[in-house]
């Protein structure tokens, strides 16, 4: 499974579990417009660490927080060995 598909699946899974309606998103969709809230993203980051074996938010000292879905995915793609 690719990093991108793992992230998209977690977005969908967490949205379902948290009763959130997620938008049809593209790489340019702002995270704030995805339909997910901060709790959802915390769950996603924790699960992705289990799935992918990395938490890029803890791995880099100076990190610009991703603003779009594409930036979020790229952050993980760069961090996964």
C-alpha atoms as a PDB file:
ATOM      1  CA  UNK A   1       0.000   0.000   0.000  1.00  0.00           C
ATOM      2  CA  UNK A   2       1.338   3.420  -0.910  1.00  0.00           C
ATOM      3  CA  UNK A   3       1.715   6.208   1.625  1.00  0.00           C
ATOM      4  CA  UNK A   4      -0.933   8.219  -0.200  1.00  0.00           C
ATOM      5  CA  UNK A   5      -3.488   5.409  -0.161  1.00  0.00           C
ATOM      6  CA  UNK A   6      -2.799   4.660   3.526  1.00  0.00           C
ATOM      7  CA  UNK A   7      -3.466   8.301   4.400  1.00  0.00           C
ATOM      8  CA  UNK A   8      -6.622   8.540   2.292  1.00  0.00           C
ATOM      9  CA  UNK A   9      -7.958   5.331   3.858  1.00  0.00           C
ATOM     10  CA  UNK A  10      -7.308   6.678   7.366  1.00  0.00           C
ATOM     11  CA  UNK A  11      -9.046   9.961   6.507  1.00  0.00           C
ATOM     12  CA  UNK A  12     -12.102   7.966   5.412  1.00  0.00           C
ATOM     13  CA  UNK A  13     -11.988   5.516   8.331  1.00  0.00           C
ATOM     14  CA  UNK A  14     -11.665   8.202  10.993  1.00  0.00           C
ATOM     15  CA  UNK A  15     -14.379  10.334   9.380  1.00  0.00           C
ATOM     16  CA  UNK A  16     -16.739   7.366   9.505  1.00  0.00           C
ATOM     17  CA  UNK A  17     -15.850   6.521  13.112  1.00  0.00           C
ATOM     18  CA  UNK A  18     -16.230  10.133  14.244  1.00  0.00           C
ATOM     19  CA  UNK A  19     -19.453  10.715  12.260  1.00  0.00           C
ATOM     20  CA  UNK A  20     -17.880  13.397  10.095  1.00  0.00           C
ATOM     21  CA  UNK A  21     -18.774  14.134   6.501  1.00  0.00           C
ATOM     22  CA  UNK A  22     -15.612  14.561   4.529  1.00  0.00           C
ATOM     23  CA  UNK A  23     -15.542  16.442   1.303  1.00  0.00           C
ATOM     24  CA  UNK A  24     -14.315  15.014  -1.946  1.00  0.00           C
ATOM     25  CA  UNK A  25     -10.797  16.270  -1.593  1.00  0.00           C
ATOM     26  CA  UNK A  26      -7.842  16.817  -3.867  1.00  0.00           C
ATOM     27  CA  UNK A  27      -4.238  17.633  -3.106  1.00  0.00           C
ATOM     28  CA  UNK A  28      -5.165  21.332  -3.084  1.00  0.00           C
ATOM     29  CA  UNK A  29      -7.987  20.967  -0.537  1.00  0.00           C
ATOM     30  CA  UNK A  30      -7.160  22.856   2.657  1.00  0.00           C
ATOM     31  CA  UNK A  31      -7.087  20.533   5.668  1.00  0.00           C
ATOM     32  CA  UNK A  32      -9.484  22.903   7.435  1.00  0.00           C
ATOM     33  CA  UNK A  33     -12.013  22.342   4.631  1.00  0.00           C
ATOM     34  CA  UNK A  34     -11.693  18.540   4.638  1.00  0.00           C
ATOM     35  CA  UNK A  35     -14.535  18.029   7.130  1.00  0.00           C
ATOM     36  CA  UNK A  36     -12.178  16.635   9.786  1.00  0.00           C
ATOM     37  CA  UNK A  37     -11.440  18.349  13.096  1.00  0.00           C
ATOM     38  CA  UNK A  38      -8.344  18.437  15.298  1.00  0.00           C
ATOM     39  CA  UNK A  39      -9.340  15.271  17.174  1.00  0.00           C
ATOM     40  CA  UNK A  40      -9.670  13.443  13.850  1.00  0.00           C
ATOM     41  CA  UNK A  41      -6.198  14.568  12.803  1.00  0.00           C
ATOM     42  CA  UNK A  42      -4.733  13.493  16.148  1.00  0.00           C
ATOM     43  CA  UNK A  43      -6.229  10.042  15.641  1.00  0.00           C
ATOM     44  CA  UNK A  44      -4.972   9.911  12.048  1.00  0.00           C
ATOM     45  CA  UNK A  45      -1.413  10.882  13.026  1.00  0.00           C
ATOM     46  CA  UNK A  46      -1.345   8.268  15.812  1.00  0.00           C
ATOM     47  CA  UNK A  47      -2.633   5.544  13.512  1.00  0.00           C
ATOM     48  CA  UNK A  48      -0.298   6.480  10.681  1.00  0.00           C
ATOM     49  CA  UNK A  49       2.623   6.137  13.079  1.00  0.00           C
ATOM     50  CA  UNK A  50       1.511   2.546  13.714  1.00  0.00           C
ATOM     51  CA  UNK A  51       0.907   1.837  10.025  1.00  0.00           C
ATOM     52  CA  UNK A  52       3.896   3.621   8.486  1.00  0.00           C
ATOM     53  CA  UNK A  53       6.308   3.500  11.418  1.00  0.00           C
ATOM     54  CA  UNK A  54       6.985   7.220  11.447  1.00  0.00           C
ATOM     55  CA  UNK A  55       5.616  10.415  12.953  1.00  0.00           C
ATOM     56  CA  UNK A  56       7.038  13.252  10.847  1.00  0.00           C
ATOM     57  CA  UNK A  57       5.742  15.811  13.333  1.00  0.00           C
ATOM     58  CA  UNK A  58       8.193  14.500  15.953  1.00  0.00           C
ATOM     59  CA  UNK A  59      11.015  13.727  13.543  1.00  0.00           C
ATOM     60  CA  UNK A  60      11.770  17.283  12.424  1.00  0.00           C
ATOM     61  CA  UNK A  61      12.705  20.110  14.767  1.00  0.00           C
ATOM     62  CA  UNK A  62      11.495  22.927  12.525  1.00  0.00           C
ATOM     63  CA  UNK A  63       8.426  21.953  10.605  1.00  0.00           C
ATOM     64  CA  UNK A  64       5.950  24.030   8.666  1.00  0.00           C
ATOM     65  CA  UNK A  65       2.603  22.472   9.466  1.00  0.00           C
ATOM     66  CA  UNK A  66       0.883  21.251   6.291  1.00  0.00           C
ATOM     67  CA  UNK A  67      -2.036  23.362   5.124  1.00  0.00           C
ATOM     68  CA  UNK A  68      -3.426  21.220   2.316  1.00  0.00           C
ATOM     69  CA  UNK A  69      -4.154  17.527   1.918  1.00  0.00           C
ATOM     70  CA  UNK A  70      -1.307  17.339  -0.604  1.00  0.00           C
ATOM     71  CA  UNK A  71       1.186  18.908   1.816  1.00  0.00           C
ATOM     72  CA  UNK A  72       0.085  16.455   4.526  1.00  0.00           C
ATOM     73  CA  UNK A  73       0.654  13.509   2.173  1.00  0.00           C
ATOM     74  CA  UNK A  74       4.019  14.874   0.982  1.00  0.00           C
ATOM     75  CA  UNK A  75       5.175  15.275   4.575  1.00  0.00           C
ATOM     76  CA  UNK A  76       4.623  11.559   5.132  1.00  0.00           C
ATOM     77  CA  UNK A  77       6.031  10.544   1.750  1.00  0.00           C
ATOM     78  CA  UNK A  78       9.290  12.338   2.595  1.00  0.00           C
ATOM     79  CA  UNK A  79       9.436  10.841   6.099  1.00  0.00           C
ATOM     80  CA  UNK A  80       8.811   7.178   5.243  1.00  0.00           C
ATOM     81  CA  UNK A  81      12.099   5.390   4.563  1.00  0.00           C
END
